PDB file of N, CA and C in Angstrom:
ATOM      1  N   MET A   1     146.990   6.375 176.633  1.00  0.00           N
ATOM      2  CA  MET A   1     147.157   7.782 176.836  1.00  0.00           C
ATOM      3  C   MET A   1     145.951   8.533 176.292  1.00  0.00           C
ATOM      4  N   LYS A   2     145.521   9.519 177.052  1.00  0.00           N
ATOM      5  CA  LYS A   2     144.436  10.415 176.697  1.00  0.00           C
ATOM      6  C   LYS A   2     144.851  11.334 175.603  1.00  0.00           C
ATOM      7  N   LYS A   3     143.852  11.745 174.892  1.00  0.00           N
ATOM      8  CA  LYS A   3     144.131  12.760 173.817  1.00  0.00           C
ATOM      9  C   LYS A   3     144.703  14.060 174.420  1.00  0.00           C
ATOM     10  N   ILE A   4     145.601  14.608 173.752  1.00  0.00           N
ATOM     11  CA  ILE A   4     146.250  15.893 174.252  1.00  0.00           C
ATOM     12  C   ILE A   4     145.570  17.076 173.498  1.00  0.00           C
ATOM     13  N   THR A   5     144.911  17.922 174.255  1.00  0.00           N
ATOM     14  CA  THR A   5     144.199  19.079 173.621  1.00  0.00           C
ATOM     15  C   THR A   5     145.201  20.138 173.270  1.00  0.00           C
ATOM     16  N   LYS A   6     144.827  21.072 172.529  1.00  0.00           N
ATOM     17  CA  LYS A   6     145.691  22.153 172.169  1.00  0.00           C
ATOM     18  C   LYS A   6     146.134  22.964 173.387  1.00  0.00           C
ATOM     19  N   SER A   7     145.257  23.234 174.312  1.00  0.00           N
ATOM     20  CA  SER A   7     145.603  23.949 175.576  1.00  0.00           C
ATOM     21  C   SER A   7     146.643  23.231 176.373  1.00  0.00           C
ATOM     22  N   ARG A   8     146.391  21.827 176.440  1.00  0.00           N
ATOM     23  CA  ARG A   8     147.319  20.956 177.248  1.00  0.00           C
ATOM     24  C   ARG A   8     148.718  20.928 176.463  1.00  0.00           C
ATOM     25  N   LEU A   9     148.759  20.819 175.238  1.00  0.00           N
ATOM     26  CA  LEU A   9     149.968  20.884 174.484  1.00  0.00           C
ATOM     27  C   LEU A   9     150.769  22.120 174.690  1.00  0.00           C
ATOM     28  N   HIS A  10     150.066  23.312 174.564  1.00  0.00           N
ATOM     29  CA  HIS A  10     150.796  24.522 174.839  1.00  0.00           C
ATOM     30  C   HIS A  10     151.280  24.600 176.250  1.00  0.00           C
ATOM     31  N   LEU A  11     150.559  24.135 177.203  1.00  0.00           N
ATOM     32  CA  LEU A  11     151.102  24.094 178.625  1.00  0.00           C
ATOM     33  C   LEU A  11     152.269  23.172 178.769  1.00  0.00           C
ATOM     34  N   LEU A  12     152.245  21.966 178.125  1.00  0.00           N
ATOM     35  CA  LEU A  12     153.356  21.070 178.147  1.00  0.00           C
ATOM     36  C   LEU A  12     154.677  21.810 177.537  1.00  0.00           C
ATOM     37  N   LEU A  13     154.487  22.341 176.454  1.00  0.00           N
ATOM     38  CA  LEU A  13     155.637  23.010 175.809  1.00  0.00           C
ATOM     39  C   LEU A  13     156.179  24.214 176.655  1.00  0.00           C
ATOM     40  N   GLU A  14     155.251  24.934 177.167  1.00  0.00           N
ATOM     41  CA  GLU A  14     155.615  26.014 178.020  1.00  0.00           C
ATOM     42  C   GLU A  14     156.505  25.626 179.242  1.00  0.00           C
ATOM     43  N   ILE A  15     156.017  24.574 179.953  1.00  0.00           N
ATOM     44  CA  ILE A  15     156.747  24.020 181.092  1.00  0.00           C
ATOM     45  C   ILE A  15     158.045  23.376 180.727  1.00  0.00           C
ATOM     46  N   GLU A  16     158.107  22.775 179.555  1.00  0.00           N
ATOM     47  CA  GLU A  16     159.376  22.201 179.052  1.00  0.00           C
ATOM     48  C   GLU A  16     160.371  23.269 178.829  1.00  0.00           C
ATOM     49  N   ARG A  17     159.954  24.424 178.225  1.00  0.00           N
ATOM     50  CA  ARG A  17     160.859  25.550 177.992  1.00  0.00           C
ATOM     51  C   ARG A  17     161.389  26.014 179.350  1.00  0.00           C
ATOM     52  N   ILE A  18     160.599  26.050 180.337  1.00  0.00           N
ATOM     53  CA  ILE A  18     161.086  26.559 181.702  1.00  0.00           C
ATOM     54  C   ILE A  18     162.143  25.546 182.206  1.00  0.00           C
ATOM     55  N   ILE A  19     161.799  24.315 182.233  1.00  0.00           N
ATOM     56  CA  ILE A  19     162.750  23.303 182.705  1.00  0.00           C
ATOM     57  C   ILE A  19     164.063  23.194 181.920  1.00  0.00           C
ATOM     58  N   GLY A  20     163.884  23.153 180.583  1.00  0.00           N
ATOM     59  CA  GLY A  20     164.961  23.034 179.622  1.00  0.00           C
ATOM     60  C   GLY A  20     165.926  24.243 179.729  1.00  0.00           C
ATOM     61  N   GLY A  21     165.356  25.429 180.213  1.00  0.00           N
ATOM     62  CA  GLY A  21     166.132  26.670 180.264  1.00  0.00           C
ATOM     63  C   GLY A  21     166.931  26.813 181.494  1.00  0.00           C
ATOM     64  N   GLU A  22     166.724  25.838 182.339  1.00  0.00           N
ATOM     65  CA  GLU A  22     167.489  25.908 183.732  1.00  0.00           C
ATOM     66  C   GLU A  22     168.762  25.103 183.706  1.00  0.00           C
ATOM     67  N   CYS A  23     169.323  24.674 182.562  1.00  0.00           N
ATOM     68  CA  CYS A  23     170.529  24.020 182.574  1.00  0.00           C
ATOM     69  C   CYS A  23     171.718  24.948 182.758  1.00  0.00           C
ATOM     70  N   TYR A  24     172.727  24.543 183.536  1.00  0.00           N
ATOM     71  CA  TYR A  24     173.782  25.387 183.948  1.00  0.00           C
ATOM     72  C   TYR A  24     175.122  24.665 183.891  1.00  0.00           C
ATOM     73  N   ASN A  25     176.174  25.238 183.381  1.00  0.00           N
ATOM     74  CA  ASN A  25     177.452  24.672 183.295  1.00  0.00           C
ATOM     75  C   ASN A  25     178.403  25.542 184.136  1.00  0.00           C
ATOM     76  N   ALA A  26     178.812  25.243 185.335  1.00  0.00           N
ATOM     77  CA  ALA A  26     179.614  26.121 186.195  1.00  0.00           C
ATOM     78  C   ALA A  26     181.030  26.192 185.664  1.00  0.00           C
ATOM     79  N   LYS A  27     181.499  25.192 184.830  1.00  0.00           N
ATOM     80  CA  LYS A  27     182.889  25.138 184.334  1.00  0.00           C
ATOM     81  C   LYS A  27     183.082  26.034 183.095  1.00  0.00           C
ATOM     82  N   THR A  28     182.017  26.558 182.529  1.00  0.00           N
ATOM     83  CA  THR A  28     182.162  27.392 181.301  1.00  0.00           C
ATOM     84  C   THR A  28     182.853  28.668 181.663  1.00  0.00           C
ATOM     85  N   GLN A  29     183.787  29.097 180.910  1.00  0.00           N
ATOM     86  CA  GLN A  29     184.440  30.385 181.115  1.00  0.00           C
ATOM     87  C   GLN A  29     183.875  31.406 180.046  1.00  0.00           C
ATOM     88  N   ASN A  30     183.356  32.464 180.552  1.00  0.00           N
ATOM     89  CA  ASN A  30     182.697  33.533 179.715  1.00  0.00           C
ATOM     90  C   ASN A  30     183.696  34.590 179.438  1.00  0.00           C
ATOM     91  N   TRP A  31     183.994  34.833 178.154  1.00  0.00           N
ATOM     92  CA  TRP A  31     184.885  35.944 177.779  1.00  0.00           C
ATOM     93  C   TRP A  31     184.145  36.848 176.807  1.00  0.00           C
ATOM     94  N   GLY A  32     184.179  38.116 177.082  1.00  0.00           N
ATOM     95  CA  GLY A  32     183.470  39.150 176.343  1.00  0.00           C
ATOM     96  C   GLY A  32     184.384  39.733 175.311  1.00  0.00           C
ATOM     97  N   PRO A  33     183.952  40.887 174.744  1.00  0.00           N
ATOM     98  CA  PRO A  33     184.750  41.563 173.762  1.00  0.00           C
ATOM     99  C   PRO A  33     186.100  41.971 174.265  1.00  0.00           C
ATOM    100  N   ASN A  34     187.145  41.927 173.392  1.00  0.00           N
ATOM    101  CA  ASN A  34     188.487  42.328 173.775  1.00  0.00           C
ATOM    102  C   ASN A  34     189.084  41.400 174.813  1.00  0.00           C
ATOM    103  N   GLY A  35     188.538  40.141 174.860  1.00  0.00           N
ATOM    104  CA  GLY A  35     189.077  39.228 175.819  1.00  0.00           C
ATOM    105  C   GLY A  35     188.933  39.505 177.267  1.00  0.00           C
ATOM    106  N   VAL A  36     187.888  40.254 177.601  1.00  0.00           N
ATOM    107  CA  VAL A  36     187.554  40.595 178.926  1.00  0.00           C
ATOM    108  C   VAL A  36     186.771  39.477 179.677  1.00  0.00           C
ATOM    109  N   PHE A  37     187.378  38.914 180.787  1.00  0.00           N
ATOM    110  CA  PHE A  37     186.746  37.775 181.535  1.00  0.00           C
ATOM    111  C   PHE A  37     185.448  38.283 182.123  1.00  0.00           C
ATOM    112  N   GLU A  38     184.274  37.638 181.866  1.00  0.00           N
ATOM    113  CA  GLU A  38     183.069  38.037 182.449  1.00  0.00           C
ATOM    114  C   GLU A  38     182.524  37.102 183.439  1.00  0.00           C
ATOM    115  N   GLY A  39     183.323  36.112 183.919  1.00  0.00           N
ATOM    116  CA  GLY A  39     182.847  35.259 184.957  1.00  0.00           C
ATOM    117  C   GLY A  39     182.706  33.816 184.470  1.00  0.00           C
ATOM    118  N   GLU A  40     182.482  32.958 185.479  1.00  0.00           N
ATOM    119  CA  GLU A  40     182.387  31.584 185.270  1.00  0.00           C
ATOM    120  C   GLU A  40     180.840  31.166 185.227  1.00  0.00           C
ATOM    121  N   GLY A  41     180.600  30.111 184.525  1.00  0.00           N
ATOM    122  CA  GLY A  41     179.311  29.542 184.449  1.00  0.00           C
ATOM    123  C   GLY A  41     178.338  30.148 183.332  1.00  0.00           C
ATOM    124  N   ARG A  42     177.498  29.294 182.896  1.00  0.00           N
ATOM    125  CA  ARG A  42     176.645  29.731 181.871  1.00  0.00           C
ATOM    126  C   ARG A  42     175.367  28.906 181.819  1.00  0.00           C
ATOM    127  N   HIS A  43     174.170  29.555 181.663  1.00  0.00           N
ATOM    128  CA  HIS A  43     172.934  28.875 181.491  1.00  0.00           C
ATOM    129  C   HIS A  43     172.721  28.606 179.988  1.00  0.00           C
ATOM    130  N   PHE A  44     172.153  27.554 179.636  1.00  0.00           N
ATOM    131  CA  PHE A  44     171.889  27.218 178.320  1.00  0.00           C
ATOM    132  C   PHE A  44     170.642  26.410 178.127  1.00  0.00           C
ATOM    133  N   PRO A  45     169.939  26.396 177.013  1.00  0.00           N
ATOM    134  CA  PRO A  45     168.701  25.618 176.845  1.00  0.00           C
ATOM    135  C   PRO A  45     169.152  24.205 176.574  1.00  0.00           C
ATOM    136  N   TYR A  46     168.609  23.213 177.358  1.00  0.00           N
ATOM    137  CA  TYR A  46     168.972  21.835 177.047  1.00  0.00           C
ATOM    138  C   TYR A  46     168.207  21.341 175.870  1.00  0.00           C
ATOM    139  N   PRO A  47     168.927  20.738 174.905  1.00  0.00           N
ATOM    140  CA  PRO A  47     168.266  20.211 173.706  1.00  0.00           C
ATOM    141  C   PRO A  47     167.343  19.107 173.974  1.00  0.00           C
ATOM    142  N   ILE A  48     166.204  19.146 173.300  1.00  0.00           N
ATOM    143  CA  ILE A  48     165.116  18.099 173.399  1.00  0.00           C
ATOM    144  C   ILE A  48     165.049  17.478 172.034  1.00  0.00           C
ATOM    145  N   THR A  49     164.850  16.083 172.113  1.00  0.00           N
ATOM    146  CA  THR A  49     164.788  15.385 170.948  1.00  0.00           C
ATOM    147  C   THR A  49     163.431  14.819 170.766  1.00  0.00           C
ATOM    148  N   PHE A  50     162.837  14.951 169.531  1.00  0.00           N
ATOM    149  CA  PHE A  50     161.522  14.381 169.294  1.00  0.00           C
ATOM    150  C   PHE A  50     161.699  13.315 168.173  1.00  0.00           C
ATOM    151  N   ILE A  51     160.716  12.441 168.136  1.00  0.00           N
ATOM    152  CA  ILE A  51     160.687  11.347 167.046  1.00  0.00           C
ATOM    153  C   ILE A  51     159.592  11.721 166.082  1.00  0.00           C
ATOM    154  N   GLY A  52     160.028  11.930 164.815  1.00  0.00           N
ATOM    155  CA  GLY A  52     159.041  12.289 163.719  1.00  0.00           C
ATOM    156  C   GLY A  52     158.198  11.071 163.401  1.00  0.00           C
ATOM    157  N   SER A  53     157.219  11.380 162.591  1.00  0.00           N
ATOM    158  CA  SER A  53     156.240  10.275 162.236  1.00  0.00           C
ATOM    159  C   SER A  53     156.990   9.208 161.292  1.00  0.00           C
ATOM    160  N   ASP A  54     158.104   9.698 160.696  1.00  0.00           N
ATOM    161  CA  ASP A  54     158.951   8.790 159.841  1.00  0.00           C
ATOM    162  C   ASP A  54     159.996   8.118 160.730  1.00  0.00           C
ATOM    163  N   GLY A  55     159.991   8.298 162.050  1.00  0.00           N
ATOM    164  CA  GLY A  55     160.992   7.558 162.938  1.00  0.00           C
ATOM    165  C   GLY A  55     162.258   8.344 163.106  1.00  0.00           C
ATOM    166  N   ASN A  56     162.447   9.423 162.383  1.00  0.00           N
ATOM    167  CA  ASN A  56     163.700  10.107 162.498  1.00  0.00           C
ATOM    168  C   ASN A  56     163.764  10.999 163.704  1.00  0.00           C
ATOM    169  N   LYS A  57     164.918  11.113 164.319  1.00  0.00           N
ATOM    170  CA  LYS A  57     165.092  12.062 165.467  1.00  0.00           C
ATOM    171  C   LYS A  57     165.187  13.492 165.091  1.00  0.00           C
ATOM    172  N   ILE A  58     164.660  14.335 165.815  1.00  0.00           N
ATOM    173  CA  ILE A  58     164.654  15.767 165.488  1.00  0.00           C
ATOM    174  C   ILE A  58     165.077  16.474 166.824  1.00  0.00           C
ATOM    175  N   LYS A  59     166.340  16.977 166.826  1.00  0.00           N
ATOM    176  CA  LYS A  59     166.806  17.639 167.948  1.00  0.00           C
ATOM    177  C   LYS A  59     166.662  19.129 167.917  1.00  0.00           C
ATOM    178  N   ARG A  60     166.170  19.749 168.993  1.00  0.00           N
ATOM    179  CA  ARG A  60     165.890  21.219 168.962  1.00  0.00           C
ATOM    180  C   ARG A  60     166.312  21.823 170.339  1.00  0.00           C
ATOM    181  N   LYS A  61     166.830  23.015 170.266  1.00  0.00           N
ATOM    182  CA  LYS A  61     166.981  23.825 171.493  1.00  0.00           C
ATOM    183  C   LYS A  61     165.843  24.696 171.810  1.00  0.00           C
ATOM    184  N   ASN A  62     165.179  25.169 170.784  1.00  0.00           N
ATOM    185  CA  ASN A  62     163.937  25.997 170.970  1.00  0.00           C
ATOM    186  C   ASN A  62     162.759  25.322 170.319  1.00  0.00           C
ATOM    187  N   VAL A  63     161.717  25.250 171.011  1.00  0.00           N
ATOM    188  CA  VAL A  63     160.518  24.487 170.483  1.00  0.00           C
ATOM    189  C   VAL A  63     159.359  25.535 170.411  1.00  0.00           C
ATOM    190  N   ASP A  64     158.716  25.563 169.310  1.00  0.00           N
ATOM    191  CA  ASP A  64     157.514  26.389 169.128  1.00  0.00           C
ATOM    192  C   ASP A  64     156.212  25.597 169.197  1.00  0.00           C
ATOM    193  N   ASN A  65     155.143  26.253 169.279  1.00  0.00           N
ATOM    194  CA  ASN A  65     153.868  25.674 169.499  1.00  0.00           C
ATOM    195  C   ASN A  65     153.344  25.002 168.205  1.00  0.00           C
ATOM    196  N   SER A  66     154.138  24.888 167.050  1.00  0.00           N
ATOM    197  CA  SER A  66     153.618  24.406 165.833  1.00  0.00           C
ATOM    198  C   SER A  66     153.723  22.769 165.827  1.00  0.00           C
ATOM    199  N   LEU A  67     154.357  22.231 166.856  1.00  0.00           N
ATOM    200  CA  LEU A  67     154.457  20.750 166.908  1.00  0.00           C
ATOM    201  C   LEU A  67     153.098  20.098 167.072  1.00  0.00           C
ATOM    202  N   SER A  68     152.923  18.964 166.416  1.00  0.00           N
ATOM    203  CA  SER A  68     151.686  18.196 166.706  1.00  0.00           C
ATOM    204  C   SER A  68     151.847  17.568 168.050  1.00  0.00           C
ATOM    205  N   ALA A  69     150.642  17.223 168.608  1.00  0.00           N
ATOM    206  CA  ALA A  69     150.645  16.611 169.993  1.00  0.00           C
ATOM    207  C   ALA A  69     151.365  15.255 169.838  1.00  0.00           C
ATOM    208  N   GLU A  70     151.072  14.510 168.721  1.00  0.00           N
ATOM    209  CA  GLU A  70     151.718  13.234 168.562  1.00  0.00           C
ATOM    210  C   GLU A  70     153.237  13.239 168.570  1.00  0.00           C
ATOM    211  N   MET A  71     153.840  14.322 167.961  1.00  0.00           N
ATOM    212  CA  MET A  71     155.323  14.412 167.942  1.00  0.00           C
ATOM    213  C   MET A  71     155.786  14.997 169.308  1.00  0.00           C
ATOM    214  N   ALA A  72     155.047  15.960 169.817  1.00  0.00           N
ATOM    215  CA  ALA A  72     155.539  16.582 171.090  1.00  0.00           C
ATOM    216  C   ALA A  72     155.618  15.667 172.204  1.00  0.00           C
ATOM    217  N   ILE A  73     154.709  14.756 172.281  1.00  0.00           N
ATOM    218  CA  ILE A  73     154.770  13.766 173.487  1.00  0.00           C
ATOM    219  C   ILE A  73     155.864  12.866 173.412  1.00  0.00           C
ATOM    220  N   THR A  74     156.600  12.741 172.240  1.00  0.00           N
ATOM    221  CA  THR A  74     157.820  11.911 172.129  1.00  0.00           C
ATOM    222  C   THR A  74     159.106  12.594 172.674  1.00  0.00           C
ATOM    223  N   GLY A  75     158.968  13.850 173.071  1.00  0.00           N
ATOM    224  CA  GLY A  75     160.191  14.656 173.399  1.00  0.00           C
ATOM    225  C   GLY A  75     160.830  14.105 174.603  1.00  0.00           C
ATOM    226  N   TYR A  76     162.228  14.041 174.500  1.00  0.00           N
ATOM    227  CA  TYR A  76     163.054  13.451 175.626  1.00  0.00           C
ATOM    228  C   TYR A  76     164.363  14.184 175.667  1.00  0.00           C
ATOM    229  N   TYR A  77     165.005  14.253 176.764  1.00  0.00           N
ATOM    230  CA  TYR A  77     166.330  14.692 176.936  1.00  0.00           C
ATOM    231  C   TYR A  77     167.218  13.479 177.014  1.00  0.00           C
ATOM    232  N   ALA A  78     168.286  13.597 176.188  1.00  0.00           N
ATOM    233  CA  ALA A  78     169.316  12.501 176.123  1.00  0.00           C
ATOM    234  C   ALA A  78     170.500  12.776 177.048  1.00  0.00           C
ATOM    235  N   PHE A  79     170.795  11.872 177.985  1.00  0.00           N
ATOM    236  CA  PHE A  79     171.942  11.959 178.867  1.00  0.00           C
ATOM    237  C   PHE A  79     172.782  10.722 178.595  1.00  0.00           C
ATOM    238  N   GLY A  80     173.718  10.884 177.560  1.00  0.00           N
ATOM    239  CA  GLY A  80     174.543   9.722 177.187  1.00  0.00           C
ATOM    240  C   GLY A  80     173.600   8.600 176.710  1.00  0.00           C
ATOM    241  N   ALA A  81     173.712   7.366 177.326  1.00  0.00           N
ATOM    242  CA  ALA A  81     172.827   6.225 176.966  1.00  0.00           C
ATOM    243  C   ALA A  81     171.491   6.345 177.533  1.00  0.00           C
ATOM    244  N   ASN A  82     171.264   7.302 178.426  1.00  0.00           N
ATOM    245  CA  ASN A  82     169.881   7.320 179.082  1.00  0.00           C
ATOM    246  C   ASN A  82     169.076   8.501 178.508  1.00  0.00           C
ATOM    247  N   GLN A  83     167.809   8.346 178.693  1.00  0.00           N
ATOM    248  CA  GLN A  83     166.831   9.300 178.260  1.00  0.00           C
ATOM    249  C   GLN A  83     165.890   9.658 179.408  1.00  0.00           C
ATOM    250  N   LEU A  84     165.539  10.948 179.436  1.00  0.00           N
ATOM    251  CA  LEU A  84     164.486  11.426 180.364  1.00  0.00           C
ATOM    252  C   LEU A  84     163.290  11.742 179.456  1.00  0.00           C
ATOM    253  N   LEU A  85     162.206  11.005 179.545  1.00  0.00           N
ATOM    254  CA  LEU A  85     161.047  11.216 178.672  1.00  0.00           C
ATOM    255  C   LEU A  85     160.240  12.437 179.314  1.00  0.00           C
ATOM    256  N   ILE A  86     160.810  13.576 179.088  1.00  0.00           N
ATOM    257  CA  ILE A  86     160.331  14.851 179.712  1.00  0.00           C
ATOM    258  C   ILE A  86     158.938  15.189 179.421  1.00  0.00           C
ATOM    259  N   MET A  87     158.492  14.963 178.164  1.00  0.00           N
ATOM    260  CA  MET A  87     157.108  15.409 177.805  1.00  0.00           C
ATOM    261  C   MET A  87     156.143  14.389 178.435  1.00  0.00           C
ATOM    262  N   ARG A  88     156.458  13.185 178.459  1.00  0.00           N
ATOM    263  CA  ARG A  88     155.467  12.189 179.065  1.00  0.00           C
ATOM    264  C   ARG A  88     155.467  12.406 180.557  1.00  0.00           C
ATOM    265  N   ALA A  89     156.620  12.691 181.197  1.00  0.00           N
ATOM    266  CA  ALA A  89     156.640  13.062 182.579  1.00  0.00           C
ATOM    267  C   ALA A  89     155.866  14.256 182.916  1.00  0.00           C
ATOM    268  N   LEU A  90     155.956  15.278 182.128  1.00  0.00           N
ATOM    269  CA  LEU A  90     155.220  16.527 182.385  1.00  0.00           C
ATOM    270  C   LEU A  90     153.708  16.279 182.269  1.00  0.00           C
ATOM    271  N   ASP A  91     153.412  15.447 181.307  1.00  0.00           N
ATOM    272  CA  ASP A  91     151.890  15.152 181.066  1.00  0.00           C
ATOM    273  C   ASP A  91     151.409  14.382 182.345  1.00  0.00           C
ATOM    274  N   LYS A  92     152.350  13.461 182.899  1.00  0.00           N
ATOM    275  CA  LYS A  92     151.787  12.696 184.102  1.00  0.00           C
ATOM    276  C   LYS A  92     151.667  13.608 185.310  1.00  0.00           C
ATOM    277  N   VAL A  93     152.538  14.616 185.387  1.00  0.00           N
ATOM    278  CA  VAL A  93     152.484  15.544 186.520  1.00  0.00           C
ATOM    279  C   VAL A  93     151.097  16.416 186.407  1.00  0.00           C
ATOM    280  N   ILE A  94     150.842  16.865 185.199  1.00  0.00           N
ATOM    281  CA  ILE A  94     149.608  17.621 184.980  1.00  0.00           C
ATOM    282  C   ILE A  94     148.416  16.831 185.265  1.00  0.00           C
ATOM    283  N   ARG A  95     148.437  15.540 184.830  1.00  0.00           N
ATOM    284  CA  ARG A  95     147.286  14.698 185.096  1.00  0.00           C
ATOM    285  C   ARG A  95     147.192  14.403 186.572  1.00  0.00           C
ATOM    286  N   HIS A  96     148.218  14.216 187.270  1.00  0.00           N
ATOM    287  CA  HIS A  96     148.202  14.058 188.742  1.00  0.00           C
ATOM    288  C   HIS A  96     147.523  15.315 189.423  1.00  0.00           C
ATOM    289  N   LEU A  97     147.930  16.478 188.946  1.00  0.00           N
ATOM    290  CA  LEU A  97     147.350  17.702 189.551  1.00  0.00           C
ATOM    291  C   LEU A  97     145.931  17.751 189.237  1.00  0.00           C
ATOM    292  N   GLU A  98     145.507  17.405 188.110  1.00  0.00           N
ATOM    293  CA  GLU A  98     144.089  17.427 187.656  1.00  0.00           C
ATOM    294  C   GLU A  98     143.260  16.488 188.480  1.00  0.00           C
ATOM    295  N   ASP A  99     143.798  15.215 188.665  1.00  0.00           N
ATOM    296  CA  ASP A  99     143.121  14.145 189.421  1.00  0.00           C
ATOM    297  C   ASP A  99     143.025  14.344 190.945  1.00  0.00           C
ATOM    298  N   ASN A 100     144.092  14.964 191.453  1.00  0.00           N
ATOM    299  CA  ASN A 100     144.222  14.982 192.967  1.00  0.00           C
ATOM    300  C   ASN A 100     144.204  16.368 193.563  1.00  0.00           C
ATOM    301  N   HIS A 101     144.356  17.461 192.681  1.00  0.00           N
ATOM    302  CA  HIS A 101     144.451  18.782 193.353  1.00  0.00           C
ATOM    303  C   HIS A 101     143.443  19.880 192.587  1.00  0.00           C
ATOM    304  N   GLY A 102     142.603  19.393 191.816  1.00  0.00           N
ATOM    305  CA  GLY A 102     141.596  20.332 191.296  1.00  0.00           C
ATOM    306  C   GLY A 102     142.022  21.168 190.104  1.00  0.00           C
ATOM    307  N   LEU A 103     143.157  20.899 189.531  1.00  0.00           N
ATOM    308  CA  LEU A 103     143.745  21.660 188.383  1.00  0.00           C
ATOM    309  C   LEU A 103     142.788  21.332 187.232  1.00  0.00           C
ATOM    310  N   SER A 104     142.386  22.362 186.459  1.00  0.00           N
ATOM    311  CA  SER A 104     141.527  22.149 185.262  1.00  0.00           C
ATOM    312  C   SER A 104     142.193  22.826 184.125  1.00  0.00           C
ATOM    313  N   ILE A 105     142.406  21.998 183.033  1.00  0.00           N
ATOM    314  CA  ILE A 105     143.000  22.486 181.809  1.00  0.00           C
ATOM    315  C   ILE A 105     141.972  22.316 180.720  1.00  0.00           C
ATOM    316  N   SER A 106     141.577  23.305 180.026  1.00  0.00           N
ATOM    317  CA  SER A 106     140.504  23.184 178.962  1.00  0.00           C
ATOM    318  C   SER A 106     141.009  22.457 177.796  1.00  0.00           C
TER     319      SER A 106
END
């Protein structure tokens, strides 16, 4: 894997926030003040899990740009027993765009 620059890292984290923010549960019932029903469904940030340098899992709903590239690239979404290696996948997409479509990330 190529070195991840600071610009690339910020882009990866920004795109992950967009994707992670698009989770939706249509079955959630929304109740407001005084028990007023406000409708069904709710968007929520999907939690992303990172693996720290000590091997421990770190689960977050909001990720800031202070993560190291080494930790950020370990980010994944857990779906029961399955994992979507979201940060590696996003890096592959960006590399594909750079190699095949002229995208340039400094």
